Protein backbone atom coordinates (compact mmCIF):
# COMPACT_ATOMS: atom_id res chain seq x y z
CA MET A 1 0.00 0.00 0.00
CA LEU A 2 2.86 2.39 0.90
CA LEU A 3 4.65 1.52 -2.36
CA ARG A 4 1.51 2.22 -4.37
CA SER A 5 1.06 5.59 -2.64
CA PHE A 6 4.71 6.46 -3.24
CA CYS A 7 4.41 5.62 -6.96
CA CYS A 8 1.25 7.71 -7.24
CA CYS A 9 3.05 10.65 -5.65
CA LEU A 10 5.91 10.32 -8.11
CA LEU A 11 3.45 10.22 -11.00
CA PHE A 12 1.62 13.34 -9.85
CA MET A 13 4.95 15.14 -9.33
CA ALA A 14 6.09 14.16 -12.83
CA LEU A 15 2.82 15.38 -14.34
CA ALA A 16 3.09 18.65 -12.48
CA VAL A 17 6.66 19.20 -13.68
CA CYS A 18 5.64 18.34 -17.26
CA ALA A 19 2.75 20.82 -17.10
CA ASP A 20 5.08 23.55 -15.79
CA VAL A 21 7.59 22.94 -18.60
CA ALA A 22 4.81 22.96 -21.21
CA GLN A 23 3.54 26.27 -19.87
CA GLN A 24 7.03 27.80 -19.92
CA VAL A 25 7.69 26.63 -23.48
CA PHE A 26 4.36 27.98 -24.69
CA SER A 27 4.67 31.35 -22.98
CA GLN A 28 8.19 31.85 -24.38
CA TYR A 29 7.56 30.83 -27.97
CA GLN A 30 3.89 31.49 -28.75
CA ASP A 31 4.74 34.73 -30.57
CA ALA A 32 6.95 32.75 -33.00
CA LEU A 33 4.02 30.52 -34.03
CA MET A 34 1.52 31.21 -36.78
CA GLU A 35 -1.47 29.71 -38.52
CA VAL A 36 -0.63 29.13 -42.18
CA GLN A 37 -3.76 29.58 -44.30
CA VAL A 38 -4.44 28.75 -47.96
CA VAL A 39 -7.20 31.18 -48.92
CA GLU A 40 -9.34 30.80 -52.04
CA LEU A 41 -9.22 34.05 -54.02
CA GLN A 42 -12.79 33.96 -55.30
CA SER A 43 -14.56 33.38 -51.99
CA GLN A 44 -11.81 34.81 -49.75
CA HIS A 45 -12.34 31.89 -47.37
CA LYS A 46 -9.56 29.56 -46.27
CA SER A 47 -9.63 26.18 -47.96
CA SER A 48 -6.96 24.59 -45.77
CA PHE A 49 -4.70 25.54 -42.90
CA GLY A 50 -1.90 24.32 -40.70
CA SER A 51 0.79 25.67 -38.43
CA GLY A 52 4.21 27.24 -38.94
CA PHE A 53 7.05 28.60 -36.85
CA TYR A 54 9.86 31.13 -37.22
CA VAL A 55 13.43 29.81 -37.41
CA ALA A 56 14.89 33.12 -38.64
CA PRO A 57 13.51 36.69 -38.69
CA GLU A 58 11.89 36.12 -42.12
CA LEU A 59 11.86 32.30 -42.41
CA VAL A 60 8.99 30.02 -41.39
CA VAL A 61 8.91 26.21 -41.50
CA THR A 62 5.71 24.27 -42.20
CA ASN A 63 4.60 21.07 -44.00
CA TYR A 64 4.47 20.76 -47.76
CA HIS A 65 0.98 19.29 -47.54
CA VAL A 66 -0.22 22.46 -45.79
CA ILE A 67 0.69 24.70 -48.76
CA SER A 68 0.50 22.21 -51.66
CA SER A 69 -2.79 23.47 -53.13
CA PHE A 70 -1.30 26.97 -53.42
CA LEU A 71 1.69 25.64 -55.38
CA ASP A 72 -0.56 23.41 -57.47
CA THR A 73 -2.91 26.23 -58.56
CA PRO A 74 -1.44 29.60 -57.51
CA GLU A 75 -3.94 31.47 -59.69
CA SER A 76 -6.76 30.26 -57.39
CA TYR A 77 -5.23 30.72 -53.94
CA GLN A 78 -3.13 32.99 -51.79
CA LEU A 79 -0.94 32.06 -48.85
CA ILE A 80 -1.60 33.92 -45.61
CA ALA A 81 0.05 34.07 -42.18
CA LYS A 82 -2.31 34.63 -39.26
CA MET A 83 -0.69 35.73 -36.00
CA GLY A 84 -3.33 36.77 -33.51
CA GLU A 85 -5.62 39.02 -35.53
CA THR A 86 -2.90 40.06 -37.99
CA LEU A 87 -2.94 38.68 -41.54
CA ASN A 88 0.10 38.90 -43.82
CA PRO A 89 1.07 37.31 -47.17
CA LEU A 90 3.59 34.47 -47.33
CA GLN A 91 5.91 33.26 -50.10
CA VAL A 92 7.18 29.73 -50.67
CA ILE A 93 10.96 29.76 -51.11
CA ALA A 94 11.98 26.07 -50.70
CA VAL A 95 10.31 22.65 -50.47
CA ASP A 96 11.26 19.08 -49.60
CA VAL A 97 8.31 17.09 -50.93
CA VAL A 98 9.78 13.72 -49.88
CA ASN A 99 9.94 14.78 -46.23
CA ASP A 100 6.76 16.91 -46.41
CA LEU A 101 8.50 20.19 -45.57
CA ALA A 102 8.25 23.74 -46.89
CA LEU A 103 10.12 26.94 -46.09
CA LEU A 104 8.24 30.23 -46.31
CA LYS A 105 9.28 33.88 -46.43
CA ALA A 106 7.23 35.82 -43.90
CA PRO A 107 7.06 39.37 -42.48
CA GLU A 108 10.01 40.05 -40.21
CA HIS A 109 9.62 38.74 -36.67
CA LYS A 110 11.62 40.64 -34.04
CA GLY A 111 10.85 38.41 -31.08
CA LEU A 112 12.26 35.11 -29.87
CA LEU A 113 12.93 32.54 -32.62
CA PHE A 114 12.84 28.76 -32.50
CA SER A 115 16.28 27.11 -32.53
CA LEU A 116 17.04 23.61 -33.74
CA ALA A 117 18.20 21.14 -31.10
CA GLU A 118 21.75 19.82 -31.34
CA LYS A 119 20.51 16.23 -31.20
CA LEU A 120 17.38 14.14 -30.85
CA PRO A 121 16.05 13.37 -27.35
CA GLU A 122 16.77 10.13 -25.58
CA GLN A 123 14.00 7.58 -25.90
CA GLY A 124 11.44 8.17 -23.16
CA GLU A 125 12.18 11.89 -22.79
CA ALA A 126 9.36 14.42 -22.81
CA VAL A 127 8.63 16.37 -25.99
CA PHE A 128 6.11 19.15 -26.57
CA SER A 129 4.19 19.62 -29.82
CA LEU A 130 2.86 23.07 -30.64
CA GLY A 131 0.25 24.03 -33.19
CA ASN A 132 -3.28 25.08 -34.01
CA PRO A 133 -5.63 22.07 -33.65
CA HIS A 134 -8.81 22.42 -35.72
CA GLY A 135 -8.22 26.18 -35.97
CA LEU A 136 -9.03 26.63 -32.26
CA GLY A 137 -5.89 28.60 -31.42
CA MET A 138 -2.31 27.74 -30.56
CA VAL A 139 -1.75 25.05 -27.93
CA VAL A 140 1.09 22.92 -26.56
CA VAL A 141 0.63 19.15 -26.22
CA PRO A 142 2.99 17.17 -23.95
CA GLY A 143 4.18 13.82 -25.25
CA THR A 144 6.93 11.19 -25.08
CA TYR A 145 9.68 10.56 -27.61
CA ASN A 146 9.75 6.89 -28.65
CA GLY A 147 12.64 6.91 -31.14
CA LEU A 148 12.69 6.68 -34.93
CA LYS A 149 9.75 4.91 -36.54
CA GLN A 150 10.70 1.32 -37.35
CA GLN A 151 10.48 -0.20 -40.86
CA SER A 152 10.11 3.21 -42.49
CA PHE A 153 11.88 4.46 -45.60
CA TYR A 154 10.88 8.07 -44.91
CA PRO A 155 12.46 9.17 -41.58
CA ARG A 156 9.87 9.88 -38.90
CA LEU A 157 10.03 10.28 -35.13
CA HIS A 158 7.44 8.30 -33.18
CA VAL A 159 5.86 10.47 -30.49
CA THR A 160 3.14 9.60 -28.02
CA GLY A 161 0.89 12.65 -27.95
CA SER A 162 -2.43 14.08 -29.14
CA LEU A 163 -1.65 15.67 -32.50
CA ASN A 164 -4.77 16.91 -34.27
CA SER A 165 -5.65 18.35 -37.66
CA GLY A 166 -4.25 21.89 -37.91
CA MET A 167 -1.12 21.10 -35.89
CA SER A 168 0.67 19.93 -39.05
CA GLY A 169 3.73 22.11 -39.64
CA GLY A 170 4.09 23.12 -36.01
CA PRO A 171 7.25 22.31 -34.06
CA SER A 172 7.91 19.50 -31.63
CA VAL A 173 10.42 20.70 -29.05
CA ASN A 174 12.41 19.37 -26.11
CA ALA A 175 12.18 20.70 -22.54
CA ALA A 176 14.53 23.58 -23.46
CA GLY A 177 12.23 24.68 -26.28
CA ASP A 178 14.62 23.57 -29.05
CA VAL A 179 13.06 22.03 -32.15
CA VAL A 180 13.53 18.26 -32.57
CA GLY A 181 11.18 17.99 -35.56
CA VAL A 182 8.04 19.12 -37.35
CA ASN A 183 4.56 17.70 -36.68
CA VAL A 184 3.40 15.79 -39.77
CA ALA A 185 0.84 13.04 -39.06
CA THR A 186 -1.23 11.19 -36.50
CA ARG A 187 -2.77 7.72 -36.43
CA GLY A 188 -4.96 8.41 -33.43
CA ASN A 189 -4.77 6.72 -30.04
CA GLN A 190 -1.86 8.98 -29.01
CA VAL A 191 0.31 7.81 -31.94
CA ALA A 192 1.93 10.72 -33.78
CA PHE A 193 4.80 11.22 -36.22
CA VAL A 194 7.30 14.05 -36.59
CA VAL A 195 9.80 14.89 -39.37
CA PRO A 196 13.27 14.79 -37.70
CA LEU A 197 15.41 17.89 -37.17
CA ALA A 198 18.11 16.70 -39.64
CA GLN A 199 15.68 17.04 -42.55
CA VAL A 200 14.53 20.43 -41.24
CA ALA A 201 18.12 21.69 -40.96
CA ALA A 202 18.91 20.47 -44.48
CA LEU A 203 16.00 22.43 -45.95
CA ILE A 204 16.93 25.62 -44.09
CA GLY A 205 20.48 25.21 -45.33
CA VAL A 206 19.48 25.39 -49.01
CA ALA A 207 17.06 28.31 -48.69
CA PRO A 208 17.46 30.78 -51.59
CA GLU A 209 17.42 34.53 -51.04
CA THR A 210 14.46 35.03 -53.38
CA ALA A 211 11.35 32.95 -54.01
CA PRO A 212 11.53 30.78 -57.17
CA ALA A 213 8.80 30.85 -59.81
CA ASN A 214 6.14 28.15 -59.58
CA SER A 215 7.51 26.42 -62.68
CA GLU A 216 10.83 26.07 -60.86
CA PHE A 217 9.07 24.34 -57.97
CA THR A 218 7.54 21.84 -60.38
CA GLU A 219 10.98 20.96 -61.71
CA LEU A 220 12.42 20.85 -58.19
CA VAL A 221 9.71 18.43 -57.01
CA ARG A 222 10.32 16.29 -60.10
CA GLU A 223 14.04 16.08 -59.31
CA GLN A 224 13.33 15.20 -55.68
CA LEU A 225 10.92 12.43 -56.71
CA LEU A 226 13.39 11.00 -59.22
CA GLU A 227 16.18 10.97 -56.64
CA ASN A 228 13.89 9.42 -54.03
CA GLN A 229 12.75 6.54 -56.24
CA GLN A 230 16.35 5.80 -57.13
CA ASN A 231 17.36 5.68 -53.46
CA MET A 232 14.36 3.52 -52.63
CA LEU A 233 14.67 0.96 -55.43
CA ALA A 234 18.47 0.62 -55.56
CA PRO A 235 18.74 -1.60 -52.42
CA ILE A 236 15.68 -3.64 -53.49
CA LEU A 237 17.20 -4.33 -56.90
CA ALA A 238 20.67 -5.05 -55.51
CA SER A 239 19.70 -7.43 -52.69
CA ASP A 240 18.98 -11.15 -52.80
CA TRP A 241 15.42 -11.52 -51.60
CA LEU A 242 14.88 -14.10 -48.86
CA MET A 243 12.27 -16.45 -50.31
CA LYS A 244 9.70 -18.84 -48.87
CA ALA A 245 7.04 -21.22 -50.17
CA LEU A 246 3.43 -20.10 -50.57
CA GLY A 247 1.39 -23.09 -51.71
CA ARG A 248 3.33 -24.13 -54.80
CA GLY A 249 4.63 -20.62 -55.32
CA GLN A 250 7.97 -19.14 -54.31
CA VAL A 251 7.56 -15.61 -52.85
CA PRO A 252 9.69 -13.10 -50.88
CA GLU A 253 9.76 -13.38 -47.11
CA THR A 254 11.73 -10.14 -46.78
CA ILE A 255 12.59 -7.59 -49.46
CA ALA A 256 14.04 -4.54 -47.69
CA PRO A 257 14.27 -3.37 -44.06
CA PHE A 258 11.81 -0.56 -44.75
CA MET A 259 9.09 -2.82 -46.18
CA THR A 260 6.59 -4.70 -44.01
CA CYS A 261 5.49 -8.21 -44.99
CA TRP A 262 2.57 -10.24 -43.63
CA GLY A 263 0.47 -13.23 -44.62
CA HIS A 264 -2.82 -15.07 -44.16
CA THR A 265 -3.91 -18.63 -44.92
CA ASN A 266 -7.45 -19.94 -45.29
CA THR A 267 -7.11 -23.64 -44.48
CA SER A 268 -10.82 -24.40 -44.23
CA GLN A 269 -11.71 -27.88 -45.47
CA THR A 270 -15.35 -26.99 -46.14
CA ALA A 271 -16.64 -28.57 -49.34
CA ASN A 272 -17.14 -26.27 -52.32
CA GLU A 273 -14.90 -23.58 -50.84
CA LEU A 274 -11.93 -21.90 -52.45
CA ARG A 275 -8.86 -22.33 -50.25
CA SER A 276 -6.12 -19.73 -50.38
CA ALA A 277 -2.84 -18.53 -48.92
CA ARG A 278 -1.84 -14.88 -49.25
CA ALA A 279 1.26 -12.82 -48.60
CA SER A 280 1.93 -9.09 -49.03
CA CYS A 281 4.88 -6.74 -48.72
CA ALA A 282 4.47 -2.98 -48.81
CA LEU A 283 5.95 0.37 -48.00
CA GLN A 284 3.72 1.85 -45.29
CA GLU A 285 4.01 5.51 -46.32
CA GLN A 286 3.40 7.59 -49.41
CA ILE A 287 4.52 11.03 -50.56
CA PHE A 288 1.83 13.70 -50.54
CA LEU A 289 1.67 15.75 -53.74
CA SER A 290 -1.90 17.01 -53.41
CA ARG A 291 -5.05 15.91 -51.64
CA ASP A 292 -5.91 13.80 -54.71
CA PHE A 293 -2.41 12.67 -55.68
CA TYR A 294 0.01 10.48 -53.70
CA THR A 295 3.16 8.74 -54.88
CA GLY A 296 6.34 6.99 -53.71
CA SER A 297 4.79 3.62 -52.81
CA ILE A 298 5.63 -0.04 -53.45
CA GLU A 299 3.27 -2.96 -52.88
CA MET A 300 3.62 -6.67 -53.72
CA GLN A 301 0.89 -9.26 -53.33
CA PHE A 302 0.94 -13.03 -53.77
CA GLU A 303 -1.90 -15.52 -53.62
CA TRP A 304 -2.06 -19.30 -53.96
CA LEU A 305 -5.53 -20.65 -54.75
CA ASP A 306 -6.78 -24.23 -54.48
CA GLY A 307 -10.18 -24.81 -56.06
CA SER A 308 -9.99 -28.56 -56.38
CA ALA A 309 -13.24 -28.88 -54.37
CA LEU A 310 -15.09 -26.53 -56.75
CA PRO A 311 -16.68 -27.12 -60.14
CA LEU A 312 -14.30 -26.01 -62.87
CA LEU A 313 -16.45 -23.08 -64.06
CA LYS A 314 -16.85 -21.75 -60.53
CA PHE A 315 -13.11 -21.94 -59.90
CA ASN A 316 -12.39 -20.15 -63.17
CA HIS A 317 -14.86 -17.41 -62.21
CA HIS A 318 -13.21 -16.85 -58.82
CA TYR A 319 -9.77 -16.89 -60.38
CA ALA A 320 -10.71 -14.33 -63.04
CA GLN A 321 -12.17 -12.04 -60.35
CA LYS A 322 -8.95 -12.23 -58.31
CA ILE A 323 -6.91 -11.20 -61.34
CA ALA A 324 -9.30 -8.37 -62.29
CA ASN A 325 -9.01 -6.77 -58.83
CA SER A 326 -5.37 -5.76 -59.42
CA ARG A 327 -4.84 -1.99 -59.66
CA SER A 328 -2.50 0.83 -58.80
CA GLU A 329 -2.59 1.60 -55.08
CA ASN A 330 -1.78 5.31 -55.20
CA ARG A 331 -4.42 7.99 -55.38
CA ALA A 332 -4.32 10.13 -58.54
CA THR A 333 -6.72 11.90 -60.91
CA ALA A 334 -6.93 12.49 -64.67
CA LYS A 335 -5.43 15.93 -64.02
CA ASP A 336 -2.27 14.31 -62.68
CA VAL A 337 -1.71 11.14 -64.73
CA THR A 338 -2.38 9.68 -68.17
CA GLU A 339 -4.58 6.64 -68.77
CA PHE A 340 -2.94 3.28 -68.17
CA SER A 341 -1.43 1.69 -71.27
CA CYS A 342 -1.45 -2.10 -70.85
CA HIS A 343 0.23 -5.00 -72.61
CA SER A 344 -0.86 -8.61 -72.09
CA ASP A 345 0.94 -11.77 -73.19
CA VAL A 346 1.47 -15.44 -72.34
CA VAL A 347 5.07 -16.17 -71.36
CA GLN A 348 6.98 -19.12 -69.95
CA LEU A 349 7.94 -18.58 -66.29
CA ASN A 350 9.81 -21.52 -64.77
CA GLU A 351 8.57 -23.64 -67.67
CA ARG A 352 4.98 -22.77 -66.83
CA ALA A 353 2.67 -20.88 -69.21
CA THR A 354 1.72 -17.65 -67.45
CA ARG A 355 -0.55 -14.79 -68.41
CA VAL A 356 1.30 -11.52 -67.74
CA VAL A 357 -0.31 -8.06 -67.78
CA TYR A 358 1.93 -4.98 -67.57
CA CYS A 359 0.38 -1.48 -67.29
CA VAL A 360 2.04 1.94 -67.23
CA ARG A 361 0.77 5.50 -66.85
CA GLY A 362 2.79 8.71 -66.93
CA TYR A 363 2.83 11.78 -64.69
CA LYS A 364 1.68 14.88 -66.56
CA ALA A 365 3.56 17.50 -64.54
CA TYR A 366 6.60 15.40 -63.66
CA SER A 367 8.04 13.91 -66.84
CA GLY A 368 10.04 10.72 -66.50
CA LEU A 369 7.92 9.39 -63.62
CA TYR A 370 5.38 6.59 -63.95
CA ASP A 371 2.99 4.31 -62.12
CA VAL A 372 3.31 0.61 -62.95
CA VAL A 373 1.07 -2.39 -62.32
CA TYR A 374 2.25 -5.95 -63.04
CA VAL A 375 0.11 -9.10 -62.74
CA ALA A 376 1.12 -12.69 -63.51
CA ALA A 377 -1.36 -15.57 -63.23
CA THR A 378 -0.66 -19.29 -63.71
CA VAL A 379 -3.22 -22.09 -63.58
CA SER A 380 -2.40 -25.78 -63.25
CA ARG A 381 -4.50 -28.71 -64.36
CA GLN A 382 -5.50 -29.48 -60.77
CA GLN A 383 -7.55 -26.26 -60.47
CA GLN A 384 -4.82 -24.54 -58.53
CA GLY A 385 -3.64 -21.06 -59.32
CA PHE A 386 -0.82 -18.72 -58.37
CA ILE A 387 -1.17 -14.93 -58.78
CA SER A 388 1.70 -12.52 -58.22
CA ARG A 389 1.49 -8.77 -58.65
CA PHE A 390 3.19 -5.53 -57.78
CA SER A 391 2.41 -1.85 -58.10
CA LEU A 392 4.91 1.01 -58.11
CA SER A 393 4.18 4.73 -58.02
CA GLY A 394 6.50 7.52 -59.07
CA VAL A 395 9.33 5.50 -60.65
CA SER A 396 11.50 5.81 -63.75
CA LYS A 397 10.99 3.44 -66.67
CA GLU A 398 14.48 2.05 -66.14
CA ASN A 399 13.78 1.09 -62.52
CA ALA A 400 10.31 -0.24 -63.40
CA ASP A 401 11.81 -2.49 -66.06
CA ALA A 402 14.59 -3.64 -63.72
CA LEU A 403 12.16 -4.55 -60.93
CA THR A 404 9.91 -6.36 -63.42
CA ARG A 405 12.81 -8.53 -64.62
CA LYS A 406 13.86 -9.33 -61.04
CA PHE A 407 10.27 -10.09 -60.02
CA MET A 408 9.70 -12.42 -62.99
CA GLU A 409 12.95 -14.29 -62.33
CA THR A 410 12.45 -14.60 -58.55
CA VAL A 411 8.72 -15.11 -57.93
CA VAL A 412 7.86 -18.44 -59.56
CA TRP A 413 5.67 -21.52 -59.47
CA GLN A 414 7.71 -24.36 -57.91
């Protein structure tokens, strides 16, 4: 009983200290925070908003996804800084679309500025996320630093804390008020993600003195996407995939440290039921280009089907439906991408006749980048089938072709 009381006292003391630190951080730095608004010119109402913070007298950091609609259609929107009741125009001067960051030129701020921390916190240390949740005004949210997100290609800090819509682009700071990263996403249930300070520092370091034209941003984003897909696919193409059996298929067990793989088997022996075993590997994140356009993803799916207990026509129907459900996983519209161009053929894979469908569509604004969907389906005489597929978004033709060759050579019917 005494031990329980002692632990409760320690907890209350820790909470009180945390609340005091949060209050100190907020009172010191609230004047260096702003609401970043994207305002529609015709209606003069904001269409989206987030948070931003001063890192230099005229430099503000926020998220790319906060200001993306302005860059996408600058003739329809204006970018506004709201500090208290004051509204001022903003200019975009640098972006890092891969890490969802943007650097803005803002009216000069003569007060205290946010400084970047020298290093990340130790795991378990307190962090404080600042921002404007749901447009309700600036707040500070205490949380706990849990280290870098595991199995992630895009660097993110995992923070336990209540990030909400509108806090995107605000800073996460340590107990001294130094920035350890930028709020970027939440998955609810106190799970939040923050872009690390190294990526923030890199963007500040390349800030130009004047704002580029919007056409220059389009080319810059294109170059960043091309470099990113090269960095992402190079280790996948160079490594020897660890393989395992799936039914009579041979599929990857692991592909890359930043891809997550999982599986499911339906072993039901019920008569007239299609039995199956499935496996998938995927990158868990995507790159935000606009609210209707995401890229930078990889997904692979494998399925072994046994329809020996079914009538032949019923098995063929199920099998055809499984093949038809293959599609690109990234969100995009006709404004962003061309129609898919598909080629279908029967080829010999591991001495087995296989129907292969290969589809490609191009990015309209970012030349040299494509989405790719590949599907291969083999059927044996025993009413068993093996389907393998992958989808890529935002890749070069060279890398798409290279992954296709590796996939066809590696993923086979045994």
